[in-house]
Amino acid sequence: MPMKMGWRWYGEGNDPVTLSDIKQIPGVTSIVWALHNKMPGEIWEIDEIQKVADQIHAYGFDMDVVESVNVHDDIKIGLPTRDQYIENYKQCIRNLSKFGVKVICYNFMPIFDWTRTDLFHPVGDGSTALFYEKDKIKGDYKAMAEYIMSFTEKYNMTFPGWEPERMAKLDELFKAYAPVTKEKLWENLKYFLEALMPTCHECDIKMAIHMDDPPWDIFGLPRLLVDEPSIDRFLKMVDDPYNCLTLCTGSLNANPNNNCAEIIRKHCDRIAFGHVRNIHHFPNGDFSEAAHRDCCGETGIIEVMRAYHDCGFEGYIRPDHGRQLWEEGPGNCRPGYGKYDRALGIQYMLGIWDLLDRLDEEKKG
């Protein structure tokens, strides 16, 4: 099986799901990890990486994928100070290469890493899921941010992209981003990647950008990676095999007009990392995250897996956000990152893959 199945883990003392738990999920070979205590722009030091490496390797997993080495706002805004932060990023790449890392997932979203209006929304079967109510995302970014941050404070649970230190400066950040048009953001992304590519070649590490979540502008902030044309533009803009995608089906399919399977078939050679999750759409434009089973949403999970399989995908994949099941809830589960639904999602995806393998064998026979 060329495709490698991963699991996102937030680290000892920071994730209720343990490496021992993950070891019991058939098919998982990769731990998708990060140094979650590091702020954007800081260098990940060798001894810090070594500590996590020892934990991961003790259970027989690889640590080939990092999610995420976050990009400092000065790089996204295009300030003169960006060059120093880019140098810091290069040093992170060099340090990570000493531990066999092959892929760095990152995003280039202004201010907000991802946006939801309810982290534990009742699905109707007793489970809960991340939910997006579009009418709540109008002009009051503070109300939405305060809701997310209330979980951070109440349950001592920090979310990547929602660091309290950054959220405390929301007004300053919005003022700093005010001159950054969509075209300027594209230019700043190109500058960043062109500066990194020589180091990526030297270290054999691919930069894999995550789709914007959700895939449209919010609060007047531009979003770039939102559909097939923008993905085409991104890959042509820095046409390098080390400039790759983290193809997130959930982020893309929040817009039901995006056909994820078609995009996978078109750009499979530039997808280094795949996030697979399912979205259920409501007629008014709201959406909820759903179980991975194809019929539970409208993302087309079977066709997504078939596209990866047909293309001979040899990269890394992981189940993305799942529902919170059974006893999981606020205080004992990271929203979207519970144990049970992601484990079920892995078995569903591997079941599809195994069947496709068998069908191929029968054709050859």
Protein backbone atom coordinates (compact mmCIF):
# COMPACT_ATOMS: atom_id res chain seq x y z
CA MET A 1 0.00 0.00 0.00
CA PRO A 2 1.85 3.13 -1.17
CA MET A 3 -0.50 5.56 0.59
CA LYS A 4 0.56 6.18 4.21
CA MET A 5 -2.12 6.65 6.87
CA GLY A 6 -1.49 9.23 9.57
CA TRP A 7 -3.09 10.56 12.75
CA ARG A 8 -2.85 14.11 14.02
CA TRP A 9 -1.55 14.15 17.59
CA TYR A 10 -1.17 17.23 19.77
CA GLY A 11 1.48 15.85 22.08
CA GLU A 12 1.87 14.47 25.58
CA GLY A 13 -0.08 16.48 28.12
CA ASN A 14 -1.84 18.35 25.32
CA ASP A 15 -3.98 15.60 23.76
CA PRO A 16 -6.38 13.23 25.54
CA VAL A 17 -5.66 10.65 22.82
CA THR A 18 -2.43 8.83 23.65
CA LEU A 19 0.14 7.20 21.39
CA SER A 20 -0.87 3.91 23.02
CA ASP A 21 -4.46 4.53 21.85
CA ILE A 22 -3.31 5.32 18.31
CA LYS A 23 -1.14 2.20 18.16
CA GLN A 24 -4.31 0.11 18.44
CA ILE A 25 -5.87 1.61 15.29
CA PRO A 26 -5.09 -0.73 12.35
CA GLY A 27 -3.26 0.89 9.45
CA VAL A 28 -1.82 3.98 11.13
CA THR A 29 1.91 4.35 10.47
CA SER A 30 2.52 8.11 10.73
CA ILE A 31 2.04 10.57 13.56
CA VAL A 32 1.23 14.04 12.25
CA TRP A 33 2.73 16.27 14.92
CA ALA A 34 3.95 19.74 15.79
CA LEU A 35 5.55 21.75 18.57
CA HIS A 36 2.31 23.37 19.65
CA ASN A 37 3.96 25.58 22.26
CA LYS A 38 5.92 27.46 19.58
CA MET A 39 4.68 30.82 18.32
CA PRO A 40 4.78 31.67 14.60
CA GLY A 41 8.24 32.88 13.66
CA GLU A 42 10.13 31.00 16.37
CA ILE A 43 12.84 28.47 15.50
CA TRP A 44 12.11 24.86 16.40
CA GLU A 45 15.23 23.78 18.24
CA ILE A 46 16.89 20.37 17.87
CA ASP A 47 16.40 19.34 21.50
CA GLU A 48 12.69 20.23 21.36
CA ILE A 49 12.19 18.13 18.25
CA GLN A 50 14.24 15.27 19.71
CA LYS A 51 11.96 15.03 22.74
CA VAL A 52 8.88 14.48 20.56
CA ALA A 53 10.78 12.18 18.20
CA ASP A 54 11.69 9.90 21.09
CA GLN A 55 8.04 9.67 22.13
CA ILE A 56 6.78 8.93 18.62
CA HIS A 57 9.50 6.44 17.69
CA ALA A 58 9.01 4.50 20.93
CA TYR A 59 5.66 3.34 19.51
CA GLY A 60 7.04 2.47 16.09
CA PHE A 61 5.51 5.39 14.22
CA ASP A 62 7.25 7.70 11.75
CA MET A 63 7.10 11.47 12.16
CA ASP A 64 7.36 12.34 8.46
CA VAL A 65 4.63 15.02 8.46
CA VAL A 66 4.54 18.20 10.57
CA GLU A 67 1.27 20.11 10.88
CA SER A 68 1.97 22.97 11.15
CA VAL A 69 4.99 25.25 11.17
CA ASN A 70 2.89 28.39 11.28
CA VAL A 71 3.80 31.42 9.18
CA HIS A 72 4.41 34.73 10.94
CA ASP A 73 1.96 37.53 10.16
CA ASP A 74 4.80 39.83 9.01
CA ILE A 75 5.44 37.40 6.12
CA LYS A 76 1.78 37.39 5.12
CA ILE A 77 1.50 41.17 5.40
CA GLY A 78 4.80 41.71 3.58
CA LEU A 79 6.57 43.85 6.17
CA PRO A 80 10.34 44.52 5.96
CA THR A 81 10.83 42.24 8.97
CA ARG A 82 9.61 39.25 6.95
CA ASP A 83 13.10 38.34 5.74
CA GLN A 84 14.28 37.50 9.27
CA TYR A 85 11.20 35.38 9.89
CA ILE A 86 11.81 33.58 6.58
CA GLU A 87 15.37 32.86 7.72
CA ASN A 88 13.93 31.43 10.93
CA TYR A 89 11.58 29.27 8.87
CA LYS A 90 14.51 27.96 6.82
CA GLN A 91 16.28 26.97 10.01
CA CYS A 92 13.17 25.11 11.13
CA ILE A 93 13.25 23.19 7.85
CA ARG A 94 16.93 22.32 8.32
CA ASN A 95 16.36 21.17 11.90
CA LEU A 96 13.32 19.07 10.96
CA SER A 97 15.23 17.39 8.14
CA LYS A 98 17.59 15.83 10.72
CA PHE A 99 14.63 13.78 11.97
CA GLY A 100 13.41 12.47 8.62
CA VAL A 101 10.56 14.93 8.17
CA LYS A 102 9.34 14.91 4.54
CA VAL A 103 6.32 17.25 4.55
CA ILE A 104 5.49 20.53 6.27
CA CYS A 105 1.81 21.46 6.24
CA TYR A 106 1.13 25.19 6.65
CA ASN A 107 -1.46 27.77 5.66
CA PHE A 108 -1.41 31.36 4.49
CA MET A 109 -4.76 32.51 5.92
CA PRO A 110 -4.82 36.03 7.37
CA ILE A 111 -5.46 36.20 11.14
CA PHE A 112 -7.87 33.26 11.51
CA ASP A 113 -6.57 29.74 10.86
CA TRP A 114 -10.06 28.25 10.52
CA THR A 115 -13.52 29.52 11.33
CA ARG A 116 -16.54 27.82 12.92
CA THR A 117 -19.46 29.18 14.91
CA ASP A 118 -20.18 26.08 17.04
CA LEU A 119 -17.56 23.58 18.18
CA PHE A 120 -19.98 21.04 19.67
CA HIS A 121 -23.11 21.33 17.54
CA PRO A 122 -25.70 18.54 18.03
CA VAL A 123 -25.88 16.42 14.89
CA GLY A 124 -29.18 14.72 15.80
CA ASP A 125 -27.96 11.24 16.70
CA GLY A 126 -26.44 12.15 20.06
CA SER A 127 -23.06 13.11 18.64
CA THR A 128 -21.74 16.64 18.08
CA ALA A 129 -19.63 18.21 15.34
CA LEU A 130 -18.04 21.43 14.18
CA PHE A 131 -20.66 23.71 12.60
CA TYR A 132 -20.61 26.87 10.47
CA GLU A 133 -23.59 29.22 10.60
CA LYS A 134 -23.01 31.75 7.86
CA ASP A 135 -25.28 34.46 9.30
CA LYS A 136 -23.04 34.66 12.38
CA ILE A 137 -20.03 35.48 10.20
CA LYS A 138 -20.98 38.99 9.22
CA GLY A 139 -18.97 41.89 10.56
CA ASP A 140 -18.35 41.21 14.25
CA TYR A 141 -15.13 39.23 14.28
CA LYS A 142 -14.73 39.80 18.02
CA ALA A 143 -17.89 37.90 18.93
CA MET A 144 -16.78 34.86 16.94
CA ALA A 145 -13.25 35.05 18.36
CA GLU A 146 -14.51 35.42 21.91
CA TYR A 147 -16.64 32.30 21.50
CA ILE A 148 -13.64 30.24 20.32
CA MET A 149 -11.36 31.69 22.97
CA SER A 150 -13.87 30.92 25.73
CA PHE A 151 -13.11 27.24 25.18
CA THR A 152 -9.39 27.94 25.39
CA GLU A 153 -9.79 29.65 28.73
CA LYS A 154 -12.42 27.36 30.27
CA TYR A 155 -10.79 24.06 29.31
CA ASN A 156 -7.13 25.09 29.05
CA MET A 157 -7.15 23.99 25.42
CA THR A 158 -5.17 26.01 22.87
CA PHE A 159 -6.15 25.71 19.22
CA PRO A 160 -3.54 26.12 16.45
CA GLY A 161 -4.09 29.46 14.75
CA TRP A 162 -6.02 30.75 17.77
CA GLU A 163 -3.11 31.46 20.08
CA PRO A 164 -4.26 33.74 22.93
CA GLU A 165 -1.22 35.98 22.43
CA ARG A 166 -2.34 36.71 18.84
CA MET A 167 -6.05 36.90 19.61
CA ALA A 168 -5.34 39.55 22.26
CA LYS A 169 -4.14 41.80 19.43
CA LEU A 170 -7.06 41.34 17.02
CA ASP A 171 -7.63 45.05 16.41
CA GLU A 172 -3.93 45.57 15.70
CA LEU A 173 -3.90 42.61 13.33
CA PHE A 174 -6.92 43.82 11.38
CA LYS A 175 -5.31 47.26 11.05
CA ALA A 176 -2.04 45.68 9.85
CA TYR A 177 -3.84 43.56 7.26
CA ALA A 178 -6.02 46.43 6.00
CA PRO A 179 -3.71 47.29 3.03
CA VAL A 180 -3.26 43.61 2.06
CA THR A 181 -5.41 43.02 -0.99
CA LYS A 182 -5.90 39.56 -2.43
CA GLU A 183 -3.27 40.26 -5.11
CA LYS A 184 -0.83 41.52 -2.48
CA LEU A 185 -1.37 38.35 -0.46
CA TRP A 186 -0.61 36.28 -3.57
CA GLU A 187 2.61 38.27 -4.06
CA ASN A 188 3.64 37.73 -0.44
CA LEU A 189 2.98 34.01 -0.69
CA LYS A 190 5.12 33.80 -3.83
CA TYR A 191 7.95 35.72 -2.15
CA PHE A 192 7.84 33.36 0.82
CA LEU A 193 7.88 30.17 -1.24
CA GLU A 194 10.56 31.29 -3.70
CA ALA A 195 12.79 32.09 -0.72
CA LEU A 196 12.20 28.62 0.77
CA MET A 197 12.53 26.39 -2.29
CA PRO A 198 16.37 26.10 -2.29
CA THR A 199 16.28 25.01 1.37
CA CYS A 200 13.46 22.54 0.63
CA HIS A 201 15.56 20.98 -2.15
CA GLU A 202 18.62 20.87 0.09
CA CYS A 203 16.65 19.16 2.90
CA ASP A 204 14.24 17.07 0.78
CA ILE A 205 11.19 18.53 2.53
CA LYS A 206 8.01 19.50 0.69
CA MET A 207 5.98 22.56 1.63
CA ALA A 208 2.30 21.59 1.46
CA ILE A 209 -0.17 24.46 1.74
CA HIS A 210 -3.53 23.79 3.35
CA MET A 211 -6.70 24.99 1.66
CA ASP A 212 -8.39 28.05 3.18
CA ASP A 213 -11.14 27.12 5.61
CA PRO A 214 -13.81 28.07 4.74
CA PRO A 215 -13.02 28.74 1.06
CA TRP A 216 -14.26 32.32 0.83
CA ASP A 217 -13.33 35.75 2.19
CA ILE A 218 -14.43 36.40 5.79
CA PHE A 219 -14.59 39.68 7.72
CA GLY A 220 -13.08 41.40 4.68
CA LEU A 221 -9.96 39.23 4.85
CA PRO A 222 -8.84 37.69 1.54
CA ARG A 223 -8.63 33.93 1.10
CA LEU A 224 -6.51 32.41 -1.69
CA LEU A 225 -6.72 28.59 -1.90
CA VAL A 226 -10.46 28.27 -2.43
CA ASP A 227 -11.16 26.38 -5.69
CA GLU A 228 -9.64 24.65 -8.71
CA PRO A 229 -8.59 27.86 -10.55
CA SER A 230 -6.82 29.22 -7.47
CA ILE A 231 -5.05 25.89 -6.93
CA ASP A 232 -3.97 25.96 -10.58
CA ARG A 233 -2.62 29.47 -10.08
CA PHE A 234 -0.76 28.51 -6.91
CA LEU A 235 1.02 25.54 -8.49
CA LYS A 236 2.00 27.50 -11.61
CA MET A 237 3.11 30.52 -9.58
CA VAL A 238 5.96 28.53 -8.02
CA ASP A 239 6.23 25.55 -10.36
CA ASP A 240 8.48 23.37 -8.24
CA PRO A 241 7.99 19.76 -7.12
CA TYR A 242 8.66 20.86 -3.54
CA ASN A 243 5.80 23.38 -3.68
CA CYS A 244 2.84 21.14 -2.93
CA LEU A 245 -0.67 20.89 -1.54
CA THR A 246 -2.29 19.65 1.61
CA LEU A 247 -5.52 18.77 -0.19
CA CYS A 248 -8.27 19.17 2.40
CA THR A 249 -11.60 17.84 1.14
CA GLY A 250 -13.50 19.41 4.01
CA SER A 251 -12.15 22.90 3.44
CA LEU A 252 -12.76 22.76 -0.31
CA ASN A 253 -16.18 21.13 -0.14
CA ALA A 254 -17.51 23.72 2.27
CA ASN A 255 -18.25 25.23 -1.15
CA PRO A 256 -20.36 22.43 -2.73
CA ASN A 257 -19.32 23.59 -6.21
CA ASN A 258 -15.79 22.27 -5.61
CA ASN A 259 -15.29 18.73 -6.94
CA CYS A 260 -12.51 17.34 -4.76
CA ALA A 261 -12.04 14.10 -6.71
CA GLU A 262 -11.50 16.01 -9.95
CA ILE A 263 -8.91 18.27 -8.31
CA ILE A 264 -7.09 15.22 -6.91
CA ARG A 265 -6.94 13.60 -10.35
CA LYS A 266 -5.66 16.82 -11.89
CA HIS A 267 -2.91 17.55 -9.35
CA CYS A 268 -2.15 14.24 -7.63
CA ASP A 269 1.57 14.57 -8.37
CA ARG A 270 1.65 17.82 -6.35
CA ILE A 271 -0.39 16.57 -3.38
CA ALA A 272 2.02 15.70 -0.57
CA PHE A 273 -0.61 15.33 2.14
CA GLY A 274 -4.34 14.67 2.10
CA HIS A 275 -6.96 15.53 4.71
CA VAL A 276 -10.15 13.54 4.24
CA ARG A 277 -13.35 14.69 5.90
CA ASN A 278 -17.00 14.91 4.97
CA ILE A 279 -19.29 17.94 4.88
CA HIS A 280 -23.08 18.05 5.13
CA HIS A 281 -24.59 21.15 3.52
CA PHE A 282 -27.81 22.90 4.46
CA PRO A 283 -29.93 24.79 1.89
CA ASN A 284 -29.27 28.19 3.52
CA GLY A 285 -25.46 27.84 3.19
CA ASP A 286 -24.69 26.55 6.67
CA PHE A 287 -22.63 23.37 6.92
CA SER A 288 -21.77 20.73 9.47
CA GLU A 289 -18.92 18.28 9.56
CA ALA A 290 -20.09 14.71 9.22
CA ALA A 291 -19.01 11.09 9.55
CA HIS A 292 -16.59 9.86 6.87
CA ARG A 293 -19.12 7.46 5.37
CA ASP A 294 -19.96 8.67 1.87
CA CYS A 295 -23.72 8.93 2.40
CA CYS A 296 -23.36 11.03 5.57
CA GLY A 297 -22.34 14.13 3.59
CA GLU A 298 -21.92 15.51 0.10
CA THR A 299 -18.12 15.53 -0.30
CA GLY A 300 -17.97 12.23 -2.20
CA ILE A 301 -15.53 10.29 -0.01
CA ILE A 302 -15.69 7.16 -2.17
CA GLU A 303 -14.75 9.13 -5.28
CA VAL A 304 -12.03 10.96 -3.35
CA MET A 305 -10.43 7.66 -2.29
CA ARG A 306 -10.90 6.22 -5.77
CA ALA A 307 -9.12 9.25 -7.26
CA TYR A 308 -6.15 8.80 -4.92
CA HIS A 309 -6.06 5.07 -5.65
CA ASP A 310 -6.32 5.45 -9.44
CA CYS A 311 -3.49 8.00 -9.39
CA GLY A 312 -1.20 5.69 -7.41
CA PHE A 313 -0.98 8.20 -4.57
CA GLU A 314 2.18 7.63 -2.53
CA GLY A 315 1.86 10.50 -0.09
CA TYR A 316 0.40 10.84 3.37
CA ILE A 317 -3.25 10.98 4.29
CA ARG A 318 -5.17 11.35 7.51
CA PRO A 319 -8.77 11.48 8.69
CA ASP A 320 -9.62 15.07 9.34
CA HIS A 321 -12.23 16.37 11.75
CA GLY A 322 -14.62 13.78 13.04
CA ARG A 323 -17.69 14.05 15.22
CA GLN A 324 -17.45 13.89 19.01
CA LEU A 325 -18.94 10.53 20.00
CA TRP A 326 -20.23 8.84 23.15
CA GLU A 327 -18.60 10.38 26.22
CA GLU A 328 -16.55 12.92 24.22
CA GLY A 329 -17.43 16.55 24.82
CA PRO A 330 -16.11 19.92 25.99
CA GLY A 331 -13.27 19.49 28.43
CA ASN A 332 -12.19 15.99 27.44
CA CYS A 333 -11.99 16.23 23.64
CA ARG A 334 -10.45 18.64 21.19
CA PRO A 335 -13.24 19.79 18.83
CA GLY A 336 -13.04 17.68 15.69
CA TYR A 337 -10.19 15.58 17.09
CA GLY A 338 -11.91 12.92 19.13
CA LYS A 339 -10.65 9.36 19.18
CA TYR A 340 -13.58 7.31 17.96
CA ASP A 341 -14.92 8.95 14.83
CA ARG A 342 -11.47 9.47 13.35
CA ALA A 343 -10.65 5.79 14.03
CA LEU A 344 -13.91 4.81 12.32
CA GLY A 345 -13.00 7.11 9.42
CA ILE A 346 -9.63 5.41 8.99
CA GLN A 347 -11.24 1.99 8.80
CA TYR A 348 -13.77 3.27 6.27
CA MET A 349 -11.05 4.78 4.07
CA LEU A 350 -8.85 1.69 4.30
CA GLY A 351 -11.85 -0.50 3.52
CA ILE A 352 -12.43 1.44 0.30
CA TRP A 353 -8.71 1.21 -0.53
CA ASP A 354 -8.56 -2.54 0.15
CA LEU A 355 -11.57 -3.15 -2.09
CA LEU A 356 -10.04 -1.11 -4.90
CA ASP A 357 -6.82 -3.11 -4.53
CA ARG A 358 -8.81 -6.36 -4.75
CA LEU A 359 -10.71 -5.19 -7.82
CA ASP A 360 -7.42 -4.32 -9.52
CA GLU A 361 -6.06 -7.76 -8.72
CA GLU A 362 -9.14 -9.41 -10.17
CA LYS A 363 -8.81 -7.39 -13.38
CA LYS A 364 -5.19 -8.52 -13.75
CA GLY A 365 -6.13 -12.12 -12.97
